[in-house]
Amino acid sequence: MSQIITITLNPALDKSIVVPELVPDKKLRAVSAEVDPGGGGINVSRALHKLGCASEAVFLSGGYTGKYLEELLLKEGVMMHPLPTKEPTRENFVVFDDEKKLQYRFGMEGPRVSEAEWKAVLDYTASRKGITYIVASGSLPPGVPVDFFGRLAAIAKNLRAKLFVDTSGEALKYAVKEGVYMIKPNLGELGSLYGKQKLSQEEIIAAAQKIITGGGCEVMVVSMGSAGAMLFTANEQYQAKPPKVTVLSNVGAGDSMVAGMICALSQGRSWKEILRYGVAAGTAATLHPGTELCKKEDTEQIFTLLNQD
């Protein structure tokens, strides 16, 4: 059994198309169309698989869209444990305008999840023995309580597993209130946790240190877009900036970054290397259109470049 499990409460079939140009009120013919399994934790598991690290994707799945998602994961060779829902799994859409080289992303809210369905995720996680890392990533669909990740954090502590939470809003606040191993907020999410809309460089450091010393997490990685990311522990602080690349898609870049860090963490690398490998994987995901995520060869090349700095 895998020592890494990922949890996705709001998975999706990610459909991506390329059109010559996005024009209103005109019938547009797609040059290409791709369908991939998606959703935070699922993308993390897919990226981990691409990087050569095994994991088990635990997710809610319903209807024909859920079955299709499962088939796609099976084809990719990702270990999985779907838990059934009455309502069908959602679909998301990505449209790439080839003329303007712009990407448009359409995310659906997701189906309503019953209490029995979301509790099944907690029960399954609690039953797992010997797991080292739990990665909970993505949004909460309708019907799931906002303190879900806080409840998951309590289970992780009982299992003595390290919980990595990548979410936003009130769900992130509840996770930090319970205390987790690692979080990955962006600047806006960190500002919300700190109680300030915009943060200066000094305030980023102060906010991270306050949350860590307050028991909200042991490790924090602050995502800063093109400026890269900063990693904080109680005693260490690092920053990594990605090289300039031609971005074809941002879909799954954050999930690829999480996968890179978890993979490097499971290999016992230093915090500086963990951050750089995560940034390398996130950058690698932007090199390909649609929802292809990172590739190991691209990740390793970018990681080598970052280590030359």
C-alpha atoms as a PDB file:
ATOM      1  CA  MET A   1       0.000   0.000   0.000  1.00  0.00           C
ATOM      2  CA  SER A   2       1.126   3.566  -0.704  1.00  0.00           C
ATOM      3  CA  GLN A   3       2.599   5.740   2.072  1.00  0.00           C
ATOM      4  CA  ILE A   4       1.116   8.818   0.358  1.00  0.00           C
ATOM      5  CA  ILE A   5      -2.605   9.337  -0.092  1.00  0.00           C
ATOM      6  CA  THR A   6      -4.293  12.300  -1.717  1.00  0.00           C
ATOM      7  CA  ILE A   7      -7.835  13.411  -0.979  1.00  0.00           C
ATOM      8  CA  THR A   8     -10.138  15.143  -3.466  1.00  0.00           C
ATOM      9  CA  LEU A   9     -13.684  16.058  -2.475  1.00  0.00           C
ATOM     10  CA  ASN A  10     -14.511  17.957  -5.653  1.00  0.00           C
ATOM     11  CA  PRO A  11     -12.915  16.059  -8.569  1.00  0.00           C
ATOM     12  CA  ALA A  12     -13.665  16.901 -12.184  1.00  0.00           C
ATOM     13  CA  LEU A  13     -13.361  15.795 -15.751  1.00  0.00           C
ATOM     14  CA  ASP A  14     -11.141  18.502 -17.224  1.00  0.00           C
ATOM     15  CA  LYS A  15     -11.989  19.118 -20.874  1.00  0.00           C
ATOM     16  CA  SER A  16      -9.600  21.312 -22.852  1.00  0.00           C
ATOM     17  CA  ILE A  17      -9.906  22.536 -26.434  1.00  0.00           C
ATOM     18  CA  VAL A  18      -7.906  24.756 -28.770  1.00  0.00           C
ATOM     19  CA  VAL A  19      -9.731  27.132 -31.108  1.00  0.00           C
ATOM     20  CA  PRO A  20      -8.166  29.274 -33.862  1.00  0.00           C
ATOM     21  CA  GLU A  21      -9.638  32.368 -32.183  1.00  0.00           C
ATOM     22  CA  LEU A  22     -12.265  32.937 -29.502  1.00  0.00           C
ATOM     23  CA  VAL A  23     -14.996  34.999 -31.193  1.00  0.00           C
ATOM     24  CA  PRO A  24     -18.478  35.703 -29.743  1.00  0.00           C
ATOM     25  CA  ASP A  25     -21.664  34.597 -31.537  1.00  0.00           C
ATOM     26  CA  LYS A  26     -19.773  32.382 -33.958  1.00  0.00           C
ATOM     27  CA  LYS A  27     -19.656  28.609 -34.227  1.00  0.00           C
ATOM     28  CA  LEU A  28     -16.085  27.698 -33.370  1.00  0.00           C
ATOM     29  CA  ARG A  29     -14.466  24.430 -34.367  1.00  0.00           C
ATOM     30  CA  ALA A  30     -11.893  22.999 -31.988  1.00  0.00           C
ATOM     31  CA  VAL A  31      -8.516  22.163 -33.488  1.00  0.00           C
ATOM     32  CA  SER A  32      -7.891  19.635 -30.730  1.00  0.00           C
ATOM     33  CA  ALA A  33      -9.723  18.332 -27.688  1.00  0.00           C
ATOM     34  CA  GLU A  34      -8.435  16.539 -24.602  1.00  0.00           C
ATOM     35  CA  VAL A  35     -10.146  15.064 -21.542  1.00  0.00           C
ATOM     36  CA  ASP A  36      -8.171  14.470 -18.335  1.00  0.00           C
ATOM     37  CA  PRO A  37      -9.018  13.509 -14.753  1.00  0.00           C
ATOM     38  CA  GLY A  38      -8.838  16.581 -12.553  1.00  0.00           C
ATOM     39  CA  GLY A  39      -9.324  18.094  -9.129  1.00  0.00           C
ATOM     40  CA  GLY A  40      -6.661  19.103  -6.606  1.00  0.00           C
ATOM     41  CA  GLY A  41      -5.657  15.819  -5.000  1.00  0.00           C
ATOM     42  CA  ILE A  42      -6.190  13.830  -8.194  1.00  0.00           C
ATOM     43  CA  ASN A  43      -3.818  16.148 -10.049  1.00  0.00           C
ATOM     44  CA  VAL A  44      -1.291  15.765  -7.233  1.00  0.00           C
ATOM     45  CA  SER A  45      -1.470  11.963  -7.548  1.00  0.00           C
ATOM     46  CA  ARG A  46      -1.162  12.171 -11.340  1.00  0.00           C
ATOM     47  CA  ALA A  47       1.868  14.448 -11.043  1.00  0.00           C
ATOM     48  CA  LEU A  48       3.432  12.219  -8.369  1.00  0.00           C
ATOM     49  CA  HIS A  49       3.039   9.269 -10.739  1.00  0.00           C
ATOM     50  CA  LYS A  50       4.745  11.217 -13.521  1.00  0.00           C
ATOM     51  CA  LEU A  51       7.604  12.054 -11.137  1.00  0.00           C
ATOM     52  CA  GLY A  52       8.037   8.406 -10.153  1.00  0.00           C
ATOM     53  CA  CYS A  53       6.467   8.613  -6.668  1.00  0.00           C
ATOM     54  CA  ALA A  54       3.589   6.286  -5.822  1.00  0.00           C
ATOM     55  CA  SER A  55       0.409   7.496  -4.148  1.00  0.00           C
ATOM     56  CA  GLU A  56      -3.212   6.520  -3.725  1.00  0.00           C
ATOM     57  CA  ALA A  57      -5.879   8.944  -4.911  1.00  0.00           C
ATOM     58  CA  VAL A  58      -8.941   8.932  -2.642  1.00  0.00           C
ATOM     59  CA  PHE A  59     -11.861  10.848  -4.134  1.00  0.00           C
ATOM     60  CA  LEU A  60     -15.633  11.124  -4.439  1.00  0.00           C
ATOM     61  CA  SER A  61     -16.999   9.808  -7.722  1.00  0.00           C
ATOM     62  CA  GLY A  62     -20.492   9.719  -9.204  1.00  0.00           C
ATOM     63  CA  GLY A  63     -22.386   9.192 -12.447  1.00  0.00           C
ATOM     64  CA  TYR A  64     -20.981   8.558 -15.908  1.00  0.00           C
ATOM     65  CA  THR A  65     -18.480  11.404 -15.454  1.00  0.00           C
ATOM     66  CA  GLY A  66     -17.113   9.719 -12.325  1.00  0.00           C
ATOM     67  CA  LYS A  67     -16.781   6.378 -14.122  1.00  0.00           C
ATOM     68  CA  TYR A  68     -15.005   8.044 -17.039  1.00  0.00           C
ATOM     69  CA  LEU A  69     -12.648   9.801 -14.606  1.00  0.00           C
ATOM     70  CA  GLU A  70     -11.840   6.449 -12.982  1.00  0.00           C
ATOM     71  CA  GLU A  71     -11.137   4.891 -16.393  1.00  0.00           C
ATOM     72  CA  LEU A  72      -8.732   7.707 -17.252  1.00  0.00           C
ATOM     73  CA  LEU A  73      -6.850   7.316 -13.969  1.00  0.00           C
ATOM     74  CA  LEU A  74      -6.657   3.563 -14.501  1.00  0.00           C
ATOM     75  CA  LYS A  75      -5.205   4.161 -17.957  1.00  0.00           C
ATOM     76  CA  GLU A  76      -2.558   6.461 -16.482  1.00  0.00           C
ATOM     77  CA  GLY A  77      -1.637   3.848 -13.885  1.00  0.00           C
ATOM     78  CA  VAL A  78      -2.593   5.932 -10.846  1.00  0.00           C
ATOM     79  CA  MET A  79      -3.574   3.912  -7.778  1.00  0.00           C
ATOM     80  CA  MET A  80      -7.024   5.001  -6.616  1.00  0.00           C
ATOM     81  CA  HIS A  81      -9.861   4.465  -4.168  1.00  0.00           C
ATOM     82  CA  PRO A  82     -13.067   6.131  -5.409  1.00  0.00           C
ATOM     83  CA  LEU A  83     -15.956   6.561  -2.984  1.00  0.00           C
ATOM     84  CA  PRO A  84     -19.438   6.708  -4.560  1.00  0.00           C
ATOM     85  CA  THR A  85     -21.747   9.716  -4.618  1.00  0.00           C
ATOM     86  CA  LYS A  86     -25.331   9.946  -5.767  1.00  0.00           C
ATOM     87  CA  GLU A  87     -24.754  13.078  -7.833  1.00  0.00           C
ATOM     88  CA  PRO A  88     -22.449  12.983 -10.904  1.00  0.00           C
ATOM     89  CA  THR A  89     -18.894  14.296 -10.834  1.00  0.00           C
ATOM     90  CA  ARG A  90     -18.541  17.798 -12.284  1.00  0.00           C
ATOM     91  CA  GLU A  91     -16.873  18.857 -15.519  1.00  0.00           C
ATOM     92  CA  ASN A  92     -14.498  21.797 -16.035  1.00  0.00           C
ATOM     93  CA  PHE A  93     -13.558  23.452 -19.316  1.00  0.00           C
ATOM     94  CA  VAL A  94     -10.392  25.083 -20.628  1.00  0.00           C
ATOM     95  CA  VAL A  95     -10.351  26.968 -23.938  1.00  0.00           C
ATOM     96  CA  PHE A  96      -7.078  28.089 -25.536  1.00  0.00           C
ATOM     97  CA  ASP A  97      -7.258  30.937 -28.053  1.00  0.00           C
ATOM     98  CA  ASP A  98      -4.491  30.090 -30.526  1.00  0.00           C
ATOM     99  CA  GLU A  99      -4.564  33.538 -32.140  1.00  0.00           C
ATOM    100  CA  LYS A 100      -4.060  35.525 -28.940  1.00  0.00           C
ATOM    101  CA  LYS A 101      -2.279  32.739 -27.025  1.00  0.00           C
ATOM    102  CA  LEU A 102      -4.705  33.220 -24.133  1.00  0.00           C
ATOM    103  CA  GLN A 103      -6.287  30.576 -21.934  1.00  0.00           C
ATOM    104  CA  TYR A 104      -9.847  30.715 -20.545  1.00  0.00           C
ATOM    105  CA  ARG A 105     -10.807  28.491 -17.621  1.00  0.00           C
ATOM    106  CA  PHE A 106     -14.358  27.596 -16.608  1.00  0.00           C
ATOM    107  CA  GLY A 107     -14.769  25.827 -13.260  1.00  0.00           C
ATOM    108  CA  MET A 108     -18.073  24.324 -12.204  1.00  0.00           C
ATOM    109  CA  GLU A 109     -19.233  24.422  -8.571  1.00  0.00           C
ATOM    110  CA  GLY A 110     -19.602  20.670  -8.163  1.00  0.00           C
ATOM    111  CA  PRO A 111     -22.408  18.351  -7.048  1.00  0.00           C
ATOM    112  CA  ARG A 112     -24.048  18.456  -3.622  1.00  0.00           C
ATOM    113  CA  VAL A 113     -22.442  15.880  -1.328  1.00  0.00           C
ATOM    114  CA  SER A 114     -24.400  14.178   1.440  1.00  0.00           C
ATOM    115  CA  GLU A 115     -23.188  13.810   5.020  1.00  0.00           C
ATOM    116  CA  ALA A 116     -22.773  10.059   4.587  1.00  0.00           C
ATOM    117  CA  GLU A 117     -20.661  10.620   1.473  1.00  0.00           C
ATOM    118  CA  TRP A 118     -18.175  13.104   2.924  1.00  0.00           C
ATOM    119  CA  LYS A 119     -17.959  11.155   6.186  1.00  0.00           C
ATOM    120  CA  ALA A 120     -16.983   8.083   4.138  1.00  0.00           C
ATOM    121  CA  VAL A 121     -13.811   9.947   3.135  1.00  0.00           C
ATOM    122  CA  LEU A 122     -12.918  10.612   6.776  1.00  0.00           C
ATOM    123  CA  ASP A 123     -13.743   7.033   7.782  1.00  0.00           C
ATOM    124  CA  TYR A 124     -11.612   5.545   5.016  1.00  0.00           C
ATOM    125  CA  THR A 125      -8.688   7.810   5.891  1.00  0.00           C
ATOM    126  CA  ALA A 126      -8.983   6.926   9.584  1.00  0.00           C
ATOM    127  CA  SER A 127      -8.868   3.224   8.683  1.00  0.00           C
ATOM    128  CA  ARG A 128      -5.571   3.528   6.822  1.00  0.00           C
ATOM    129  CA  LYS A 129      -2.536   2.365   8.751  1.00  0.00           C
ATOM    130  CA  GLY A 130       1.098   3.053   7.970  1.00  0.00           C
ATOM    131  CA  ILE A 131       0.586   6.131   5.819  1.00  0.00           C
ATOM    132  CA  THR A 132       3.194   8.875   6.087  1.00  0.00           C
ATOM    133  CA  TYR A 133       1.688  11.749   4.116  1.00  0.00           C
ATOM    134  CA  ILE A 134      -1.891  12.876   3.495  1.00  0.00           C
ATOM    135  CA  VAL A 135      -2.350  15.529   0.825  1.00  0.00           C
ATOM    136  CA  ALA A 136      -5.760  17.232   0.892  1.00  0.00           C
ATOM    137  CA  SER A 137      -6.118  19.594  -2.030  1.00  0.00           C
ATOM    138  CA  GLY A 138      -8.870  21.519  -3.768  1.00  0.00           C
ATOM    139  CA  SER A 139     -12.221  23.097  -3.040  1.00  0.00           C
ATOM    140  CA  LEU A 140     -15.124  21.847  -0.952  1.00  0.00           C
ATOM    141  CA  PRO A 141     -18.281  21.009  -2.930  1.00  0.00           C
ATOM    142  CA  PRO A 142     -21.759  21.998  -1.667  1.00  0.00           C
ATOM    143  CA  GLY A 143     -22.818  19.981   1.361  1.00  0.00           C
ATOM    144  CA  VAL A 144     -19.346  19.484   2.840  1.00  0.00           C
ATOM    145  CA  PRO A 145     -18.829  21.389   6.121  1.00  0.00           C
ATOM    146  CA  VAL A 146     -16.280  24.172   6.115  1.00  0.00           C
ATOM    147  CA  ASP A 147     -14.361  22.501   8.964  1.00  0.00           C
ATOM    148  CA  PHE A 148     -13.752  19.313   6.942  1.00  0.00           C
ATOM    149  CA  PHE A 149      -9.981  19.818   6.727  1.00  0.00           C
ATOM    150  CA  GLY A 150      -9.890  20.546  10.443  1.00  0.00           C
ATOM    151  CA  ARG A 151     -11.569  17.183  11.085  1.00  0.00           C
ATOM    152  CA  LEU A 152      -9.087  15.566   8.717  1.00  0.00           C
ATOM    153  CA  ALA A 153      -6.228  17.179  10.642  1.00  0.00           C
ATOM    154  CA  ALA A 154      -7.406  15.521  13.860  1.00  0.00           C
ATOM    155  CA  ILE A 155      -7.460  12.134  12.091  1.00  0.00           C
ATOM    156  CA  ALA A 156      -3.947  12.723  10.701  1.00  0.00           C
ATOM    157  CA  LYS A 157      -2.669  13.381  14.217  1.00  0.00           C
ATOM    158  CA  ASN A 158      -4.173  10.104  15.441  1.00  0.00           C
ATOM    159  CA  LEU A 159      -2.507   8.283  12.549  1.00  0.00           C
ATOM    160  CA  ARG A 160       0.767  10.155  13.140  1.00  0.00           C
ATOM    161  CA  ALA A 161       0.677  11.131   9.498  1.00  0.00           C
ATOM    162  CA  LYS A 162       1.853  14.446   8.065  1.00  0.00           C
ATOM    163  CA  LEU A 163      -1.057  16.408   6.561  1.00  0.00           C
ATOM    164  CA  PHE A 164      -0.451  18.825   3.685  1.00  0.00           C
ATOM    165  CA  VAL A 165      -3.482  21.063   3.019  1.00  0.00           C
ATOM    166  CA  ASP A 166      -3.800  23.123  -0.162  1.00  0.00           C
ATOM    167  CA  THR A 167      -7.121  24.949  -0.100  1.00  0.00           C
ATOM    168  CA  SER A 168      -8.447  28.449   0.511  1.00  0.00           C
ATOM    169  CA  GLY A 169     -10.966  30.588   2.392  1.00  0.00           C
ATOM    170  CA  GLU A 170     -12.679  29.405   5.545  1.00  0.00           C
ATOM    171  CA  ALA A 171     -11.658  25.792   4.863  1.00  0.00           C
ATOM    172  CA  LEU A 172      -7.992  26.807   5.154  1.00  0.00           C
ATOM    173  CA  LYS A 173      -8.678  28.779   8.345  1.00  0.00           C
ATOM    174  CA  TYR A 174     -10.235  25.723  10.015  1.00  0.00           C
ATOM    175  CA  ALA A 175      -7.274  23.569   8.994  1.00  0.00           C
ATOM    176  CA  VAL A 176      -4.830  26.060  10.495  1.00  0.00           C
ATOM    177  CA  LYS A 177      -6.973  26.319  13.639  1.00  0.00           C
ATOM    178  CA  GLU A 178      -6.635  22.557  14.196  1.00  0.00           C
ATOM    179  CA  GLY A 179      -2.966  22.560  13.145  1.00  0.00           C
ATOM    180  CA  VAL A 180      -1.463  20.715  10.164  1.00  0.00           C
ATOM    181  CA  TYR A 181       1.998  19.789   8.946  1.00  0.00           C
ATOM    182  CA  MET A 182       2.169  21.937   5.836  1.00  0.00           C
ATOM    183  CA  ILE A 183       0.114  24.527   3.925  1.00  0.00           C
ATOM    184  CA  LYS A 184       0.635  26.337   0.602  1.00  0.00           C
ATOM    185  CA  PRO A 185      -1.239  29.665   0.613  1.00  0.00           C
ATOM    186  CA  ASN A 186      -0.828  32.309  -2.058  1.00  0.00           C
ATOM    187  CA  LEU A 187      -0.275  35.913  -1.002  1.00  0.00           C
ATOM    188  CA  GLY A 188      -3.996  36.666  -0.837  1.00  0.00           C
ATOM    189  CA  GLU A 189      -4.728  33.580   1.274  1.00  0.00           C
ATOM    190  CA  LEU A 190      -1.822  34.341   3.617  1.00  0.00           C
ATOM    191  CA  GLY A 191      -3.090  37.909   3.975  1.00  0.00           C
ATOM    192  CA  SER A 192      -6.534  36.574   4.902  1.00  0.00           C
ATOM    193  CA  LEU A 193      -5.016  34.323   7.567  1.00  0.00           C
ATOM    194  CA  TYR A 194      -2.979  37.259   8.893  1.00  0.00           C
ATOM    195  CA  GLY A 195      -5.912  39.672   8.767  1.00  0.00           C
ATOM    196  CA  LYS A 196      -4.496  42.015   6.142  1.00  0.00           C
ATOM    197  CA  GLN A 197      -5.446  42.447   2.478  1.00  0.00           C
ATOM    198  CA  LYS A 198      -1.969  43.226   1.112  1.00  0.00           C
ATOM    199  CA  LEU A 199       1.337  42.132   2.586  1.00  0.00           C
ATOM    200  CA  SER A 200       4.764  43.711   2.250  1.00  0.00           C
ATOM    201  CA  GLN A 201       7.861  41.497   2.079  1.00  0.00           C
ATOM    202  CA  GLU A 202       8.431  41.972   5.793  1.00  0.00           C
ATOM    203  CA  GLU A 203       4.799  41.172   6.562  1.00  0.00           C
ATOM    204  CA  ILE A 204       4.971  37.946   4.526  1.00  0.00           C
ATOM    205  CA  ILE A 205       7.756  36.782   6.819  1.00  0.00           C
ATOM    206  CA  ALA A 206       5.956  37.998   9.951  1.00  0.00           C
ATOM    207  CA  ALA A 207       2.681  36.324   8.919  1.00  0.00           C
ATOM    208  CA  ALA A 208       4.347  32.988   8.187  1.00  0.00           C
ATOM    209  CA  GLN A 209       6.276  33.036  11.456  1.00  0.00           C
ATOM    210  CA  LYS A 210       3.168  33.947  13.456  1.00  0.00           C
ATOM    211  CA  ILE A 211       1.169  31.032  12.030  1.00  0.00           C
ATOM    212  CA  ILE A 212       4.014  28.558  12.522  1.00  0.00           C
ATOM    213  CA  THR A 213       4.815  29.627  16.096  1.00  0.00           C
ATOM    214  CA  GLY A 214       1.077  29.597  16.854  1.00  0.00           C
ATOM    215  CA  GLY A 215       0.842  25.931  15.900  1.00  0.00           C
ATOM    216  CA  GLY A 216      -1.107  26.469  12.674  1.00  0.00           C
ATOM    217  CA  CYS A 217       1.450  24.490  10.681  1.00  0.00           C
ATOM    218  CA  GLU A 218       5.042  23.289  10.862  1.00  0.00           C
ATOM    219  CA  VAL A 219       5.962  24.236   7.302  1.00  0.00           C
ATOM    220  CA  MET A 220       4.541  26.921   5.040  1.00  0.00           C
ATOM    221  CA  VAL A 221       5.158  27.477   1.345  1.00  0.00           C
ATOM    222  CA  VAL A 222       3.910  30.829   0.074  1.00  0.00           C
ATOM    223  CA  SER A 223       3.133  30.814  -3.643  1.00  0.00           C
ATOM    224  CA  MET A 224       3.950  34.153  -5.309  1.00  0.00           C
ATOM    225  CA  GLY A 225       3.207  33.541  -8.995  1.00  0.00           C
ATOM    226  CA  SER A 226       6.001  34.586 -11.357  1.00  0.00           C
ATOM    227  CA  ALA A 227       8.084  35.587  -8.321  1.00  0.00           C
ATOM    228  CA  GLY A 228       8.258  31.934  -7.312  1.00  0.00           C
ATOM    229  CA  ALA A 229       7.698  30.784  -3.759  1.00  0.00           C
ATOM    230  CA  MET A 230       9.030  31.078  -0.231  1.00  0.00           C
ATOM    231  CA  LEU A 231       9.322  28.230   2.256  1.00  0.00           C
ATOM    232  CA  PHE A 232       9.276  28.752   6.007  1.00  0.00           C
ATOM    233  CA  THR A 233       9.887  26.481   8.979  1.00  0.00           C
ATOM    234  CA  ALA A 234      10.442  27.526  12.584  1.00  0.00           C
ATOM    235  CA  ASN A 235      14.171  27.886  11.893  1.00  0.00           C
ATOM    236  CA  GLU A 236      14.640  28.100   8.112  1.00  0.00           C
ATOM    237  CA  GLN A 237      13.579  30.350   5.259  1.00  0.00           C
ATOM    238  CA  TYR A 238      14.182  29.940   1.518  1.00  0.00           C
ATOM    239  CA  GLN A 239      13.003  31.475  -1.732  1.00  0.00           C
ATOM    240  CA  ALA A 240      13.041  30.016  -5.245  1.00  0.00           C
ATOM    241  CA  LYS A 241      12.231  31.915  -8.442  1.00  0.00           C
ATOM    242  CA  PRO A 242      11.405  29.964 -11.609  1.00  0.00           C
ATOM    243  CA  PRO A 243      13.215  30.597 -14.887  1.00  0.00           C
ATOM    244  CA  LYS A 244      11.380  32.486 -17.618  1.00  0.00           C
ATOM    245  CA  VAL A 245       9.471  30.081 -19.858  1.00  0.00           C
ATOM    246  CA  THR A 246       6.734  30.262 -22.487  1.00  0.00           C
ATOM    247  CA  VAL A 247       3.562  29.486 -20.551  1.00  0.00           C
ATOM    248  CA  LEU A 248       1.036  27.381 -22.476  1.00  0.00           C
ATOM    249  CA  SER A 249      -1.219  26.500 -19.535  1.00  0.00           C
ATOM    250  CA  ASN A 250      -1.503  27.264 -15.832  1.00  0.00           C
ATOM    251  CA  VAL A 251      -3.895  24.386 -15.154  1.00  0.00           C
ATOM    252  CA  GLY A 252      -2.450  22.059 -12.520  1.00  0.00           C
ATOM    253  CA  ALA A 253       0.719  24.107 -11.990  1.00  0.00           C
ATOM    254  CA  GLY A 254      -0.002  24.497  -8.265  1.00  0.00           C
ATOM    255  CA  ASP A 255      -0.865  20.806  -7.925  1.00  0.00           C
ATOM    256  CA  SER A 256       2.340  19.864  -9.763  1.00  0.00           C
ATOM    257  CA  MET A 257       4.260  22.089  -7.343  1.00  0.00           C
ATOM    258  CA  VAL A 258       2.690  20.281  -4.386  1.00  0.00           C
ATOM    259  CA  ALA A 259       3.544  16.920  -5.965  1.00  0.00           C
ATOM    260  CA  GLY A 260       7.146  17.977  -6.498  1.00  0.00           C
ATOM    261  CA  MET A 261       7.519  19.018  -2.868  1.00  0.00           C
ATOM    262  CA  ILE A 262       5.872  15.860  -1.499  1.00  0.00           C
ATOM    263  CA  CYS A 263       8.018  13.684  -3.760  1.00  0.00           C
ATOM    264  CA  ALA A 264      11.208  15.458  -2.646  1.00  0.00           C
ATOM    265  CA  LEU A 265      10.065  15.365   1.002  1.00  0.00           C
ATOM    266  CA  SER A 266       9.457  11.606   0.826  1.00  0.00           C
ATOM    267  CA  GLN A 267      13.014  11.222  -0.516  1.00  0.00           C
ATOM    268  CA  GLY A 268      14.470  12.976   2.521  1.00  0.00           C
ATOM    269  CA  ARG A 269      15.805  16.024   0.680  1.00  0.00           C
ATOM    270  CA  SER A 270      16.656  19.333   2.366  1.00  0.00           C
ATOM    271  CA  TRP A 271      14.052  22.090   2.644  1.00  0.00           C
ATOM    272  CA  LYS A 272      15.901  24.168   0.052  1.00  0.00           C
ATOM    273  CA  GLU A 273      15.808  21.261  -2.401  1.00  0.00           C
ATOM    274  CA  ILE A 274      12.162  20.504  -1.564  1.00  0.00           C
ATOM    275  CA  LEU A 275      11.170  24.081  -2.442  1.00  0.00           C
ATOM    276  CA  ARG A 276      13.246  24.138  -5.634  1.00  0.00           C
ATOM    277  CA  TYR A 277      11.929  20.778  -6.798  1.00  0.00           C
ATOM    278  CA  GLY A 278       8.380  21.960  -6.166  1.00  0.00           C
ATOM    279  CA  VAL A 279       8.939  25.173  -8.131  1.00  0.00           C
ATOM    280  CA  ALA A 280      10.575  23.136 -10.905  1.00  0.00           C
ATOM    281  CA  ALA A 281       7.563  20.784 -11.141  1.00  0.00           C
ATOM    282  CA  GLY A 282       5.107  23.696 -11.083  1.00  0.00           C
ATOM    283  CA  THR A 283       7.031  25.459 -13.846  1.00  0.00           C
ATOM    284  CA  ALA A 284       7.260  22.249 -15.860  1.00  0.00           C
ATOM    285  CA  ALA A 285       3.462  21.999 -15.864  1.00  0.00           C
ATOM    286  CA  THR A 286       3.159  25.359 -17.635  1.00  0.00           C
ATOM    287  CA  LEU A 287       5.205  24.151 -20.613  1.00  0.00           C
ATOM    288  CA  HIS A 288       2.365  22.019 -21.974  1.00  0.00           C
ATOM    289  CA  PRO A 289      -1.154  22.961 -23.118  1.00  0.00           C
ATOM    290  CA  GLY A 290      -4.357  21.796 -21.461  1.00  0.00           C
ATOM    291  CA  THR A 291      -4.081  19.701 -18.316  1.00  0.00           C
ATOM    292  CA  GLU A 292      -0.997  17.571 -18.993  1.00  0.00           C
ATOM    293  CA  LEU A 293       0.707  18.590 -15.712  1.00  0.00           C
ATOM    294  CA  CYS A 294       4.458  18.268 -15.200  1.00  0.00           C
ATOM    295  CA  LYS A 295       6.810  15.826 -16.904  1.00  0.00           C
ATOM    296  CA  LYS A 296       9.751  14.364 -15.013  1.00  0.00           C
ATOM    297  CA  GLU A 297      12.361  15.235 -17.640  1.00  0.00           C
ATOM    298  CA  ASP A 298      11.257  18.893 -17.698  1.00  0.00           C
ATOM    299  CA  THR A 299      11.151  19.010 -13.910  1.00  0.00           C
ATOM    300  CA  GLU A 300      14.666  17.611 -13.575  1.00  0.00           C
ATOM    301  CA  GLN A 301      16.061  20.079 -16.137  1.00  0.00           C
ATOM    302  CA  ILE A 302      14.486  23.078 -14.415  1.00  0.00           C
ATOM    303  CA  PHE A 303      15.588  21.766 -11.004  1.00  0.00           C
ATOM    304  CA  THR A 304      19.168  21.603 -12.299  1.00  0.00           C
ATOM    305  CA  LEU A 305      18.923  25.222 -13.490  1.00  0.00           C
ATOM    306  CA  LEU A 306      17.603  26.357 -10.098  1.00  0.00           C
ATOM    307  CA  ASN A 307      20.473  24.612  -8.320  1.00  0.00           C
ATOM    308  CA  GLN A 308      22.980  26.595 -10.376  1.00  0.00           C
ATOM    309  CA  ASP A 309      21.909  29.833  -8.718  1.00  0.00           C
END
